Amino acid sequence: MPRLLAIRLSLALTALVLFALGIRSDSTYLRMAGIVLLGAALILRFVGGRTPRL
């Protein structure tokens, strides 16, 4: 598994866990932390070189 993919997946899973815990415990801070981490995972989606198509 490529390194960047592992980082994106771990950020996304952590974000989902934090968001779910925030909903369950009615904590705005946990929900916001989950949203921020999910945004970071989304931004990392566009990072990295692609091979050009010919």
C-alpha atoms as a PDB file:
ATOM      1  CA  MET A   1       0.000   0.000   0.000  1.00  0.00           C
ATOM      2  CA  PRO A   2       1.459   3.359  -0.964  1.00  0.00           C
ATOM      3  CA  ARG A   3       2.346   5.665   1.886  1.00  0.00           C
ATOM      4  CA  LEU A   4       0.030   8.512   0.873  1.00  0.00           C
ATOM      5  CA  LEU A   5      -2.914   6.155   0.550  1.00  0.00           C
ATOM      6  CA  ALA A   6      -2.291   4.806   4.047  1.00  0.00           C
ATOM      7  CA  ILE A   7      -2.198   8.340   5.443  1.00  0.00           C
ATOM      8  CA  ARG A   8      -5.451   9.266   3.679  1.00  0.00           C
ATOM      9  CA  LEU A   9      -7.215   6.143   4.900  1.00  0.00           C
ATOM     10  CA  SER A  10      -6.058   6.583   8.477  1.00  0.00           C
ATOM     11  CA  LEU A  11      -7.158  10.227   8.484  1.00  0.00           C
ATOM     12  CA  ALA A  12     -10.553   9.331   7.047  1.00  0.00           C
ATOM     13  CA  LEU A  13     -11.134   6.496   9.536  1.00  0.00           C
ATOM     14  CA  THR A  14     -10.041   8.662  12.461  1.00  0.00           C
ATOM     15  CA  ALA A  15     -12.349  11.416  11.250  1.00  0.00           C
ATOM     16  CA  LEU A  16     -15.304   9.053  11.067  1.00  0.00           C
ATOM     17  CA  VAL A  17     -14.635   7.721  14.566  1.00  0.00           C
ATOM     18  CA  LEU A  18     -14.320  11.229  16.021  1.00  0.00           C
ATOM     19  CA  PHE A  19     -17.460  12.383  14.233  1.00  0.00           C
ATOM     20  CA  ALA A  20     -19.437   9.376  15.498  1.00  0.00           C
ATOM     21  CA  LEU A  21     -18.176   9.904  19.051  1.00  0.00           C
ATOM     22  CA  GLY A  22     -19.097  13.576  18.807  1.00  0.00           C
ATOM     23  CA  ILE A  23     -22.634  12.744  17.755  1.00  0.00           C
ATOM     24  CA  ARG A  24     -22.999  10.075  20.422  1.00  0.00           C
ATOM     25  CA  SER A  25     -21.707  12.256  23.246  1.00  0.00           C
ATOM     26  CA  ASP A  26     -23.230  15.485  21.846  1.00  0.00           C
ATOM     27  CA  SER A  27     -19.803  17.136  21.720  1.00  0.00           C
ATOM     28  CA  THR A  28     -19.362  19.907  19.204  1.00  0.00           C
ATOM     29  CA  TYR A  29     -15.570  19.801  19.519  1.00  0.00           C
ATOM     30  CA  LEU A  30     -15.325  16.137  18.571  1.00  0.00           C
ATOM     31  CA  ARG A  31     -17.636  16.641  15.607  1.00  0.00           C
ATOM     32  CA  MET A  32     -15.617  19.609  14.392  1.00  0.00           C
ATOM     33  CA  ALA A  33     -12.357  17.686  14.801  1.00  0.00           C
ATOM     34  CA  GLY A  34     -13.854  14.896  12.708  1.00  0.00           C
ATOM     35  CA  ILE A  35     -14.935  17.330  10.010  1.00  0.00           C
ATOM     36  CA  VAL A  36     -11.502  18.977   9.931  1.00  0.00           C
ATOM     37  CA  LEU A  37      -9.716  15.635   9.632  1.00  0.00           C
ATOM     38  CA  LEU A  38     -12.086  14.544   6.891  1.00  0.00           C
ATOM     39  CA  GLY A  39     -11.317  17.802   5.075  1.00  0.00           C
ATOM     40  CA  ALA A  40      -7.605  17.103   5.430  1.00  0.00           C
ATOM     41  CA  ALA A  41      -8.109  13.641   3.956  1.00  0.00           C
ATOM     42  CA  LEU A  42     -10.038  15.216   1.083  1.00  0.00           C
ATOM     43  CA  ILE A  43      -7.271  17.738   0.418  1.00  0.00           C
ATOM     44  CA  LEU A  44      -4.702  14.927   0.424  1.00  0.00           C
ATOM     45  CA  ARG A  45      -6.785  13.298  -2.302  1.00  0.00           C
ATOM     46  CA  PHE A  46      -5.467  15.914  -4.723  1.00  0.00           C
ATOM     47  CA  VAL A  47      -1.839  15.737  -3.555  1.00  0.00           C
ATOM     48  CA  GLY A  48       0.609  13.531  -5.345  1.00  0.00           C
ATOM     49  CA  GLY A  49       1.894  13.175  -8.822  1.00  0.00           C
ATOM     50  CA  ARG A  50      -0.044  11.495 -11.542  1.00  0.00           C
ATOM     51  CA  THR A  51       1.392   9.995 -14.618  1.00  0.00           C
ATOM     52  CA  PRO A  52       0.382  12.050 -17.637  1.00  0.00           C
ATOM     53  CA  ARG A  53      -1.935  10.451 -20.153  1.00  0.00           C
ATOM     54  CA  LEU A  54      -0.747  10.329 -23.718  1.00  0.00           C
END
